[in-house]
Amino acid sequence: MATFLDTINGYLKQLVPITTSSGTSDGNKIAQTDASGRFDVTLMPTSVTPQVKIVQAAEALTAGNYVNIYYDNTASDVRCRKADASVTGKYAHGFTKANVSSGADATIYLEGINDQVSGFDAVAGTAWLSATTPGGVVTTPPAGSGQVVQIVGTVLSPTEIDTEMQQPILLAT
């Protein structure tokens, strides 16, 4: 961890930067990026936060899954489930960054970098919602009758997708 020197009352003092903030008590302190080279969200102004929605999961979700947010008539509430391009009505609205058990609250990121994916070799290619793996993405669009074509973002690296959901298109049957 890096340290810094400051002059306090005429003496040099070593300062250790913070990687997270607990609020006003951390004012005027030196900040340091985390292991990924980014500032923790607690160090950012309140206007610079990820767009997220907390929604109860209707099924178990895995970190990196793309999810569909829907109204559950039985529960009379909003729920989330794995997005699925093999059926209509399960379009992707966001993604998870953590595993979530069925019935637990999921933090759904509505945009941004999904760094919980893996296995991509087509860097800077387009990522589409998968019609074969619910919650997954593929680098070639679904083409089957009645399937949904939805671009979810751009592959930035083997483990990152810049998520920007596009309008889903239902293929003819």
N, C-alpha and C. Protein backbone atom coordinates (compact mmCIF):
# COMPACT_ATOMS: atom_id res chain seq x y z
N MET A 1 0.85 -1.17 0.00
CA MET A 1 0.00 0.00 0.00
C MET A 1 0.89 1.23 0.00
N ALA A 2 0.53 2.19 -0.80
CA ALA A 2 1.28 3.44 -0.88
C ALA A 2 1.03 4.28 0.37
N THR A 3 2.03 5.05 0.75
CA THR A 3 1.88 6.02 1.84
C THR A 3 2.36 7.37 1.34
N PHE A 4 1.97 8.42 2.03
CA PHE A 4 2.31 9.77 1.63
C PHE A 4 2.82 10.54 2.83
N LEU A 5 3.60 11.58 2.55
CA LEU A 5 4.10 12.45 3.62
C LEU A 5 3.38 13.78 3.57
N ASP A 6 3.11 14.33 4.75
CA ASP A 6 2.47 15.64 4.86
C ASP A 6 3.16 16.38 6.00
N THR A 7 3.13 17.69 5.94
CA THR A 7 3.70 18.50 7.01
C THR A 7 2.57 18.93 7.94
N ILE A 8 2.67 18.52 9.21
CA ILE A 8 1.67 18.87 10.21
C ILE A 8 2.39 19.49 11.39
N ASN A 9 2.08 20.78 11.67
CA ASN A 9 2.73 21.53 12.75
C ASN A 9 4.25 21.51 12.62
N GLY A 10 4.74 21.60 11.39
CA GLY A 10 6.18 21.66 11.16
C GLY A 10 6.88 20.31 11.13
N TYR A 11 6.16 19.23 11.34
CA TYR A 11 6.76 17.89 11.33
C TYR A 11 6.21 17.08 10.16
N LEU A 12 7.05 16.20 9.64
CA LEU A 12 6.58 15.30 8.60
C LEU A 12 5.80 14.16 9.24
N LYS A 13 4.67 13.85 8.63
CA LYS A 13 3.85 12.75 9.13
C LYS A 13 3.49 11.85 7.96
N GLN A 14 3.61 10.55 8.18
CA GLN A 14 3.23 9.58 7.15
C GLN A 14 1.72 9.37 7.19
N LEU A 15 1.08 9.43 6.01
CA LEU A 15 -0.36 9.24 5.90
C LEU A 15 -0.66 7.99 5.09
N VAL A 16 -1.64 7.24 5.53
CA VAL A 16 -2.09 6.05 4.81
C VAL A 16 -3.41 6.40 4.13
N PRO A 17 -3.51 6.19 2.81
CA PRO A 17 -4.76 6.53 2.12
C PRO A 17 -5.88 5.55 2.48
N ILE A 18 -7.11 6.01 2.27
CA ILE A 18 -8.28 5.16 2.53
C ILE A 18 -8.79 4.57 1.21
N THR A 19 -9.38 3.38 1.28
CA THR A 19 -9.95 2.75 0.09
C THR A 19 -11.47 2.76 0.12
N THR A 20 -12.05 3.05 1.28
CA THR A 20 -13.50 3.23 1.43
C THR A 20 -13.73 4.39 2.38
N SER A 21 -14.91 4.97 2.32
CA SER A 21 -15.23 6.10 3.18
C SER A 21 -16.46 5.80 4.04
N SER A 22 -16.39 6.26 5.29
CA SER A 22 -17.55 6.12 6.17
C SER A 22 -18.31 7.44 6.30
N GLY A 23 -17.96 8.41 5.48
CA GLY A 23 -18.69 9.68 5.48
C GLY A 23 -17.81 10.86 5.86
N THR A 24 -18.42 11.85 6.55
CA THR A 24 -17.73 13.10 6.84
C THR A 24 -16.47 12.92 7.68
N SER A 25 -16.40 11.88 8.48
CA SER A 25 -15.20 11.67 9.29
C SER A 25 -13.98 11.37 8.42
N ASP A 26 -14.19 11.01 7.17
CA ASP A 26 -13.09 10.74 6.26
C ASP A 26 -12.81 11.91 5.32
N GLY A 27 -13.40 13.07 5.61
CA GLY A 27 -13.17 14.25 4.79
C GLY A 27 -11.70 14.65 4.78
N ASN A 28 -11.22 15.15 3.65
CA ASN A 28 -9.86 15.65 3.46
C ASN A 28 -8.78 14.58 3.62
N LYS A 29 -9.14 13.32 3.45
CA LYS A 29 -8.16 12.24 3.48
C LYS A 29 -7.79 11.86 2.05
N ILE A 30 -6.62 11.28 1.90
CA ILE A 30 -6.17 10.82 0.59
C ILE A 30 -6.88 9.51 0.25
N ALA A 31 -7.38 9.41 -0.97
CA ALA A 31 -8.08 8.20 -1.42
C ALA A 31 -7.17 7.37 -2.31
N GLN A 32 -7.39 6.06 -2.28
CA GLN A 32 -6.60 5.13 -3.10
C GLN A 32 -7.55 4.19 -3.84
N THR A 33 -7.20 3.83 -5.07
CA THR A 33 -8.01 2.89 -5.83
C THR A 33 -7.87 1.48 -5.27
N ASP A 34 -8.83 0.62 -5.61
CA ASP A 34 -8.77 -0.77 -5.14
C ASP A 34 -7.90 -1.60 -6.08
N ALA A 35 -7.89 -2.91 -5.90
CA ALA A 35 -7.05 -3.80 -6.69
C ALA A 35 -7.40 -3.77 -8.18
N SER A 36 -8.63 -3.39 -8.52
CA SER A 36 -9.03 -3.32 -9.93
C SER A 36 -8.72 -1.96 -10.54
N GLY A 37 -8.13 -1.05 -9.75
CA GLY A 37 -7.79 0.27 -10.26
C GLY A 37 -8.93 1.26 -10.24
N ARG A 38 -9.98 0.96 -9.47
CA ARG A 38 -11.15 1.84 -9.41
C ARG A 38 -11.39 2.31 -7.98
N PHE A 39 -12.01 3.47 -7.86
CA PHE A 39 -12.41 3.95 -6.55
C PHE A 39 -13.65 3.20 -6.09
N ASP A 40 -13.72 2.90 -4.81
CA ASP A 40 -14.92 2.32 -4.22
C ASP A 40 -16.05 3.33 -4.33
N VAL A 41 -17.28 2.85 -4.50
CA VAL A 41 -18.43 3.73 -4.67
C VAL A 41 -18.62 4.65 -3.45
N THR A 42 -18.15 4.25 -2.25
CA THR A 42 -18.28 5.09 -1.06
C THR A 42 -17.39 6.32 -1.12
N LEU A 43 -16.42 6.35 -2.03
CA LEU A 43 -15.55 7.50 -2.18
C LEU A 43 -16.09 8.51 -3.20
N MET A 44 -17.16 8.14 -3.88
CA MET A 44 -17.69 8.97 -4.95
C MET A 44 -18.80 9.89 -4.43
N PRO A 45 -19.01 11.03 -5.12
CA PRO A 45 -20.14 11.89 -4.76
C PRO A 45 -21.45 11.11 -4.91
N THR A 46 -22.47 11.51 -4.18
CA THR A 46 -23.74 10.79 -4.23
C THR A 46 -24.35 10.78 -5.62
N SER A 47 -23.99 11.73 -6.47
CA SER A 47 -24.53 11.76 -7.83
C SER A 47 -23.81 10.78 -8.75
N VAL A 48 -22.69 10.20 -8.29
CA VAL A 48 -21.92 9.25 -9.10
C VAL A 48 -22.03 7.88 -8.45
N THR A 49 -23.14 7.21 -8.69
CA THR A 49 -23.35 5.88 -8.15
C THR A 49 -23.92 4.99 -9.25
N PRO A 50 -23.71 3.70 -9.16
CA PRO A 50 -24.28 2.82 -10.19
C PRO A 50 -25.80 2.83 -10.14
N GLN A 51 -26.41 2.69 -11.31
CA GLN A 51 -27.86 2.60 -11.35
C GLN A 51 -28.24 1.17 -11.03
N VAL A 52 -28.80 0.98 -9.83
CA VAL A 52 -29.17 -0.36 -9.38
C VAL A 52 -30.61 -0.36 -8.89
N LYS A 53 -31.17 -1.54 -8.87
CA LYS A 53 -32.52 -1.76 -8.34
C LYS A 53 -32.44 -3.00 -7.48
N ILE A 54 -33.00 -2.93 -6.27
CA ILE A 54 -33.04 -4.09 -5.37
C ILE A 54 -34.37 -4.80 -5.61
N VAL A 55 -34.30 -6.06 -6.04
CA VAL A 55 -35.49 -6.83 -6.40
C VAL A 55 -35.36 -8.24 -5.85
N GLN A 56 -36.46 -8.79 -5.35
CA GLN A 56 -36.44 -10.16 -4.84
C GLN A 56 -36.28 -11.15 -6.00
N ALA A 57 -35.37 -12.11 -5.83
CA ALA A 57 -35.12 -13.13 -6.85
C ALA A 57 -36.18 -14.22 -6.81
N ALA A 58 -36.74 -14.55 -7.96
CA ALA A 58 -37.73 -15.62 -8.06
C ALA A 58 -37.06 -16.98 -8.23
N GLU A 59 -35.77 -16.97 -8.50
CA GLU A 59 -34.99 -18.20 -8.64
C GLU A 59 -33.55 -17.88 -8.26
N ALA A 60 -32.74 -18.90 -8.07
CA ALA A 60 -31.33 -18.68 -7.74
C ALA A 60 -30.63 -18.03 -8.93
N LEU A 61 -29.82 -17.02 -8.63
CA LEU A 61 -29.07 -16.30 -9.66
C LEU A 61 -27.58 -16.47 -9.38
N THR A 62 -26.80 -16.50 -10.45
CA THR A 62 -25.35 -16.60 -10.34
C THR A 62 -24.74 -15.26 -10.71
N ALA A 63 -23.65 -14.89 -10.06
CA ALA A 63 -22.95 -13.65 -10.38
C ALA A 63 -22.71 -13.58 -11.89
N GLY A 64 -23.05 -12.45 -12.48
CA GLY A 64 -22.88 -12.26 -13.91
C GLY A 64 -24.13 -12.53 -14.73
N ASN A 65 -25.14 -13.17 -14.13
CA ASN A 65 -26.39 -13.45 -14.86
C ASN A 65 -27.06 -12.17 -15.32
N TYR A 66 -27.60 -12.20 -16.53
CA TYR A 66 -28.47 -11.13 -17.00
C TYR A 66 -29.88 -11.51 -16.57
N VAL A 67 -30.62 -10.52 -16.06
CA VAL A 67 -31.91 -10.81 -15.44
C VAL A 67 -33.04 -10.00 -16.06
N ASN A 68 -34.22 -10.56 -15.90
CA ASN A 68 -35.47 -9.96 -16.33
C ASN A 68 -36.22 -9.51 -15.08
N ILE A 69 -36.70 -8.29 -15.07
CA ILE A 69 -37.49 -7.77 -13.96
C ILE A 69 -38.95 -7.78 -14.42
N TYR A 70 -39.82 -8.38 -13.62
CA TYR A 70 -41.21 -8.55 -14.04
C TYR A 70 -42.14 -8.42 -12.83
N TYR A 71 -43.42 -8.25 -13.11
CA TYR A 71 -44.43 -8.18 -12.06
C TYR A 71 -45.00 -9.57 -11.86
N ASP A 72 -44.88 -10.09 -10.64
CA ASP A 72 -45.40 -11.42 -10.30
C ASP A 72 -46.82 -11.24 -9.76
N ASN A 73 -47.81 -11.65 -10.54
CA ASN A 73 -49.22 -11.49 -10.13
C ASN A 73 -49.55 -12.26 -8.86
N THR A 74 -48.96 -13.44 -8.70
CA THR A 74 -49.24 -14.26 -7.52
C THR A 74 -48.76 -13.57 -6.26
N ALA A 75 -47.56 -13.01 -6.31
CA ALA A 75 -46.99 -12.33 -5.14
C ALA A 75 -47.41 -10.87 -5.06
N SER A 76 -48.03 -10.36 -6.12
CA SER A 76 -48.41 -8.94 -6.20
C SER A 76 -47.21 -8.04 -5.94
N ASP A 77 -46.09 -8.38 -6.56
CA ASP A 77 -44.87 -7.60 -6.37
C ASP A 77 -43.92 -7.82 -7.54
N VAL A 78 -42.91 -6.97 -7.62
CA VAL A 78 -41.88 -7.08 -8.65
C VAL A 78 -40.86 -8.13 -8.24
N ARG A 79 -40.44 -8.95 -9.18
CA ARG A 79 -39.44 -10.01 -8.95
C ARG A 79 -38.43 -9.97 -10.10
N CYS A 80 -37.35 -10.73 -9.94
CA CYS A 80 -36.40 -10.88 -11.03
C CYS A 80 -36.09 -12.36 -11.23
N ARG A 81 -35.72 -12.68 -12.46
CA ARG A 81 -35.39 -14.06 -12.85
C ARG A 81 -34.35 -13.97 -13.97
N LYS A 82 -33.77 -15.10 -14.33
CA LYS A 82 -32.80 -15.12 -15.41
C LYS A 82 -33.47 -14.71 -16.72
N ALA A 83 -32.84 -13.79 -17.44
CA ALA A 83 -33.34 -13.41 -18.75
C ALA A 83 -33.12 -14.58 -19.71
N ASP A 84 -33.99 -14.71 -20.70
CA ASP A 84 -33.94 -15.88 -21.58
C ASP A 84 -34.45 -15.51 -22.97
N ALA A 85 -33.59 -15.61 -23.97
CA ALA A 85 -33.97 -15.25 -25.34
C ALA A 85 -34.74 -16.34 -26.06
N SER A 86 -34.99 -17.47 -25.39
CA SER A 86 -35.74 -18.55 -26.05
C SER A 86 -37.25 -18.35 -25.95
N VAL A 87 -37.67 -17.42 -25.10
CA VAL A 87 -39.10 -17.15 -24.93
C VAL A 87 -39.36 -15.65 -24.90
N THR A 88 -40.54 -15.24 -25.27
CA THR A 88 -40.86 -13.82 -25.20
C THR A 88 -41.20 -13.44 -23.76
N GLY A 89 -40.97 -12.20 -23.42
CA GLY A 89 -41.32 -11.71 -22.09
C GLY A 89 -40.24 -11.87 -21.05
N LYS A 90 -39.08 -12.43 -21.40
CA LYS A 90 -37.99 -12.58 -20.43
C LYS A 90 -36.75 -11.81 -20.91
N TYR A 91 -36.98 -10.61 -21.43
CA TYR A 91 -35.90 -9.77 -21.92
C TYR A 91 -35.00 -9.34 -20.78
N ALA A 92 -33.76 -9.02 -21.10
CA ALA A 92 -32.80 -8.58 -20.07
C ALA A 92 -33.03 -7.12 -19.72
N HIS A 93 -33.02 -6.84 -18.42
CA HIS A 93 -33.12 -5.47 -17.91
C HIS A 93 -31.85 -5.06 -17.17
N GLY A 94 -31.06 -6.03 -16.71
CA GLY A 94 -29.86 -5.73 -15.94
C GLY A 94 -29.09 -7.01 -15.65
N PHE A 95 -28.13 -6.92 -14.72
CA PHE A 95 -27.31 -8.07 -14.38
C PHE A 95 -26.96 -8.06 -12.90
N THR A 96 -26.53 -9.20 -12.40
CA THR A 96 -26.12 -9.33 -11.00
C THR A 96 -24.60 -9.42 -10.92
N LYS A 97 -24.05 -9.00 -9.79
CA LYS A 97 -22.61 -9.14 -9.57
C LYS A 97 -22.32 -10.12 -8.44
N ALA A 98 -23.38 -10.72 -7.90
CA ALA A 98 -23.21 -11.66 -6.78
C ALA A 98 -24.21 -12.80 -6.93
N ASN A 99 -23.87 -13.94 -6.35
CA ASN A 99 -24.82 -15.06 -6.30
C ASN A 99 -25.98 -14.66 -5.39
N VAL A 100 -27.19 -15.04 -5.76
CA VAL A 100 -28.38 -14.70 -4.98
C VAL A 100 -29.26 -15.95 -4.88
N SER A 101 -29.69 -16.26 -3.68
CA SER A 101 -30.59 -17.40 -3.48
C SER A 101 -32.01 -17.01 -3.86
N SER A 102 -32.80 -17.99 -4.25
CA SER A 102 -34.20 -17.76 -4.55
C SER A 102 -34.89 -17.19 -3.31
N GLY A 103 -35.64 -16.11 -3.49
CA GLY A 103 -36.34 -15.46 -2.38
C GLY A 103 -35.55 -14.35 -1.71
N ALA A 104 -34.25 -14.27 -2.00
CA ALA A 104 -33.40 -13.22 -1.40
C ALA A 104 -33.42 -11.98 -2.29
N ASP A 105 -33.05 -10.84 -1.71
CA ASP A 105 -32.96 -9.60 -2.49
C ASP A 105 -31.71 -9.61 -3.36
N ALA A 106 -31.89 -9.23 -4.62
CA ALA A 106 -30.79 -9.15 -5.58
C ALA A 106 -30.54 -7.69 -5.93
N THR A 107 -29.28 -7.30 -6.00
CA THR A 107 -28.92 -5.97 -6.50
C THR A 107 -28.74 -6.11 -8.00
N ILE A 108 -29.63 -5.47 -8.75
CA ILE A 108 -29.61 -5.55 -10.21
C ILE A 108 -28.98 -4.27 -10.76
N TYR A 109 -27.87 -4.43 -11.47
CA TYR A 109 -27.21 -3.30 -12.13
C TYR A 109 -27.90 -3.09 -13.47
N LEU A 110 -28.42 -1.88 -13.71
CA LEU A 110 -29.18 -1.59 -14.91
C LEU A 110 -28.29 -1.20 -16.08
N GLU A 111 -27.03 -0.92 -15.81
CA GLU A 111 -26.04 -0.60 -16.84
C GLU A 111 -24.66 -0.69 -16.22
N GLY A 112 -23.63 -0.56 -17.03
CA GLY A 112 -22.26 -0.56 -16.52
C GLY A 112 -21.49 -1.80 -16.91
N ILE A 113 -20.33 -1.98 -16.29
CA ILE A 113 -19.43 -3.08 -16.61
C ILE A 113 -19.82 -4.32 -15.82
N ASN A 114 -20.15 -5.38 -16.53
CA ASN A 114 -20.40 -6.68 -15.90
C ASN A 114 -19.07 -7.41 -15.91
N ASP A 115 -18.40 -7.44 -14.76
CA ASP A 115 -17.08 -8.08 -14.65
C ASP A 115 -17.18 -9.46 -13.99
N GLN A 116 -18.37 -10.04 -14.04
CA GLN A 116 -18.60 -11.36 -13.46
C GLN A 116 -18.88 -12.41 -14.54
N VAL A 117 -18.42 -12.15 -15.75
CA VAL A 117 -18.58 -13.09 -16.86
C VAL A 117 -17.21 -13.65 -17.24
N SER A 118 -17.18 -14.68 -18.05
CA SER A 118 -15.90 -15.24 -18.48
C SER A 118 -16.06 -16.00 -19.78
N GLY A 119 -14.91 -16.31 -20.39
CA GLY A 119 -14.89 -17.17 -21.56
C GLY A 119 -15.01 -16.48 -22.90
N PHE A 120 -14.89 -15.18 -22.95
CA PHE A 120 -15.01 -14.50 -24.23
C PHE A 120 -13.64 -14.34 -24.88
N ASP A 121 -13.59 -14.61 -26.18
CA ASP A 121 -12.35 -14.38 -26.91
C ASP A 121 -12.53 -13.32 -27.99
N ALA A 122 -13.77 -12.94 -28.26
CA ALA A 122 -14.07 -11.93 -29.28
C ALA A 122 -14.12 -10.56 -28.62
N VAL A 123 -12.94 -10.06 -28.22
CA VAL A 123 -12.88 -8.76 -27.56
C VAL A 123 -13.38 -7.68 -28.52
N ALA A 124 -14.17 -6.76 -27.99
CA ALA A 124 -14.81 -5.67 -28.73
C ALA A 124 -15.92 -6.17 -29.63
N GLY A 125 -16.38 -7.40 -29.39
CA GLY A 125 -17.51 -7.93 -30.14
C GLY A 125 -18.81 -7.62 -29.43
N THR A 126 -19.90 -7.90 -30.09
CA THR A 126 -21.22 -7.67 -29.53
C THR A 126 -21.65 -8.87 -28.69
N ALA A 127 -22.33 -8.60 -27.58
CA ALA A 127 -22.87 -9.66 -26.72
C ALA A 127 -24.39 -9.64 -26.82
N TRP A 128 -24.97 -10.81 -27.12
CA TRP A 128 -26.42 -10.96 -27.22
C TRP A 128 -26.92 -11.84 -26.09
N LEU A 129 -28.16 -11.63 -25.67
CA LEU A 129 -28.80 -12.50 -24.70
C LEU A 129 -28.89 -13.91 -25.29
N SER A 130 -28.57 -14.91 -24.49
CA SER A 130 -28.54 -16.30 -24.95
C SER A 130 -29.93 -16.92 -24.99
N ALA A 131 -30.17 -17.74 -26.04
CA ALA A 131 -31.41 -18.50 -26.15
C ALA A 131 -31.22 -19.93 -25.67
N THR A 132 -29.98 -20.28 -25.28
CA THR A 132 -29.71 -21.65 -24.83
C THR A 132 -29.33 -21.73 -23.35
N THR A 133 -28.80 -20.65 -22.79
CA THR A 133 -28.41 -20.62 -21.38
C THR A 133 -29.10 -19.45 -20.70
N PRO A 134 -30.18 -19.69 -19.94
CA PRO A 134 -30.86 -18.59 -19.25
C PRO A 134 -29.88 -17.79 -18.38
N GLY A 135 -29.93 -16.46 -18.52
CA GLY A 135 -29.05 -15.58 -17.78
C GLY A 135 -27.72 -15.34 -18.46
N GLY A 136 -27.43 -16.11 -19.51
CA GLY A 136 -26.14 -16.02 -20.19
C GLY A 136 -26.18 -15.14 -21.43
N VAL A 137 -25.01 -14.96 -22.00
CA VAL A 137 -24.88 -14.19 -23.23
C VAL A 137 -24.02 -14.97 -24.22
N VAL A 138 -24.15 -14.63 -25.49
CA VAL A 138 -23.40 -15.27 -26.56
C VAL A 138 -22.86 -14.20 -27.50
N THR A 139 -21.92 -14.58 -28.36
CA THR A 139 -21.33 -13.62 -29.29
C THR A 139 -21.88 -13.76 -30.71
N THR A 140 -22.90 -14.60 -30.87
CA THR A 140 -23.65 -14.66 -32.14
C THR A 140 -25.14 -14.56 -31.79
N PRO A 141 -25.90 -13.82 -32.54
CA PRO A 141 -27.30 -13.61 -32.17
C PRO A 141 -28.15 -14.88 -32.34
N PRO A 142 -29.16 -15.05 -31.50
CA PRO A 142 -30.10 -16.15 -31.69
C PRO A 142 -30.78 -16.01 -33.05
N ALA A 143 -31.09 -17.13 -33.69
CA ALA A 143 -31.69 -17.07 -35.02
C ALA A 143 -32.91 -17.97 -35.16
N GLY A 144 -33.30 -18.64 -34.09
CA GLY A 144 -34.41 -19.58 -34.16
C GLY A 144 -35.77 -18.91 -34.21
N SER A 145 -36.71 -19.59 -34.79
CA SER A 145 -38.09 -19.11 -34.89
C SER A 145 -38.66 -18.82 -33.51
N GLY A 146 -39.20 -17.62 -33.33
CA GLY A 146 -39.81 -17.23 -32.06
C GLY A 146 -38.84 -16.83 -30.97
N GLN A 147 -37.53 -16.85 -31.28
CA GLN A 147 -36.55 -16.43 -30.28
C GLN A 147 -36.42 -14.90 -30.27
N VAL A 148 -35.75 -14.40 -29.26
CA VAL A 148 -35.58 -12.97 -29.08
C VAL A 148 -34.12 -12.59 -29.37
N VAL A 149 -33.93 -11.54 -30.15
CA VAL A 149 -32.59 -11.01 -30.40
C VAL A 149 -32.48 -9.73 -29.59
N GLN A 150 -31.57 -9.72 -28.60
CA GLN A 150 -31.36 -8.53 -27.78
C GLN A 150 -29.87 -8.35 -27.53
N ILE A 151 -29.34 -7.24 -28.00
CA ILE A 151 -27.95 -6.88 -27.69
C ILE A 151 -27.92 -6.40 -26.25
N VAL A 152 -27.01 -6.98 -25.45
CA VAL A 152 -26.88 -6.54 -24.06
C VAL A 152 -25.66 -5.65 -23.86
N GLY A 153 -24.71 -5.67 -24.81
CA GLY A 153 -23.55 -4.81 -24.66
C GLY A 153 -22.40 -5.22 -25.55
N THR A 154 -21.21 -4.74 -25.18
CA THR A 154 -19.99 -4.98 -25.93
C THR A 154 -18.98 -5.71 -25.07
N VAL A 155 -18.38 -6.77 -25.61
CA VAL A 155 -17.35 -7.52 -24.89
C VAL A 155 -16.08 -6.67 -24.89
N LEU A 156 -15.59 -6.34 -23.69
CA LEU A 156 -14.38 -5.52 -23.55
C LEU A 156 -13.13 -6.35 -23.33
N SER A 157 -13.30 -7.49 -22.70
CA SER A 157 -12.18 -8.39 -22.39
C SER A 157 -12.77 -9.78 -22.17
N PRO A 158 -11.94 -10.79 -21.98
CA PRO A 158 -12.49 -12.12 -21.72
C PRO A 158 -13.39 -12.20 -20.49
N THR A 159 -13.34 -11.18 -19.61
CA THR A 159 -14.13 -11.21 -18.38
C THR A 159 -14.97 -9.95 -18.15
N GLU A 160 -15.21 -9.16 -19.20
CA GLU A 160 -15.97 -7.92 -19.01
C GLU A 160 -16.89 -7.63 -20.20
N ILE A 161 -18.10 -7.19 -19.87
CA ILE A 161 -19.04 -6.71 -20.88
C ILE A 161 -19.50 -5.32 -20.46
N ASP A 162 -19.39 -4.36 -21.38
CA ASP A 162 -19.95 -3.02 -21.16
C ASP A 162 -21.43 -3.13 -21.48
N THR A 163 -22.25 -3.18 -20.43
CA THR A 163 -23.67 -3.45 -20.59
C THR A 163 -24.45 -2.19 -20.95
N GLU A 164 -25.10 -2.24 -22.09
CA GLU A 164 -26.03 -1.21 -22.55
C GLU A 164 -27.14 -1.94 -23.30
N MET A 165 -28.21 -2.24 -22.58
CA MET A 165 -29.32 -3.03 -23.14
C MET A 165 -29.94 -2.33 -24.35
N GLN A 166 -30.23 -3.12 -25.37
CA GLN A 166 -30.92 -2.61 -26.55
C GLN A 166 -32.34 -3.17 -26.59
N GLN A 167 -33.16 -2.58 -27.41
CA GLN A 167 -34.55 -3.03 -27.57
C GLN A 167 -34.56 -4.47 -28.09
N PRO A 168 -35.29 -5.37 -27.44
CA PRO A 168 -35.38 -6.75 -27.93
C PRO A 168 -36.23 -6.84 -29.19
N ILE A 169 -35.87 -7.78 -30.07
CA ILE A 169 -36.62 -8.01 -31.30
C ILE A 169 -37.05 -9.47 -31.32
N LEU A 170 -38.35 -9.71 -31.44
CA LEU A 170 -38.89 -11.07 -31.50
C LEU A 170 -38.83 -11.55 -32.94
N LEU A 171 -38.14 -12.69 -33.17
CA LEU A 171 -38.03 -13.24 -34.52
C LEU A 171 -39.35 -13.90 -34.93
N ALA A 172 -39.64 -13.85 -36.21
CA ALA A 172 -40.88 -14.41 -36.75
C ALA A 172 -40.96 -15.91 -36.49
N THR A 173 -42.18 -16.39 -36.33
CA THR A 173 -42.38 -17.83 -36.11
C THR A 173 -42.80 -18.52 -37.39
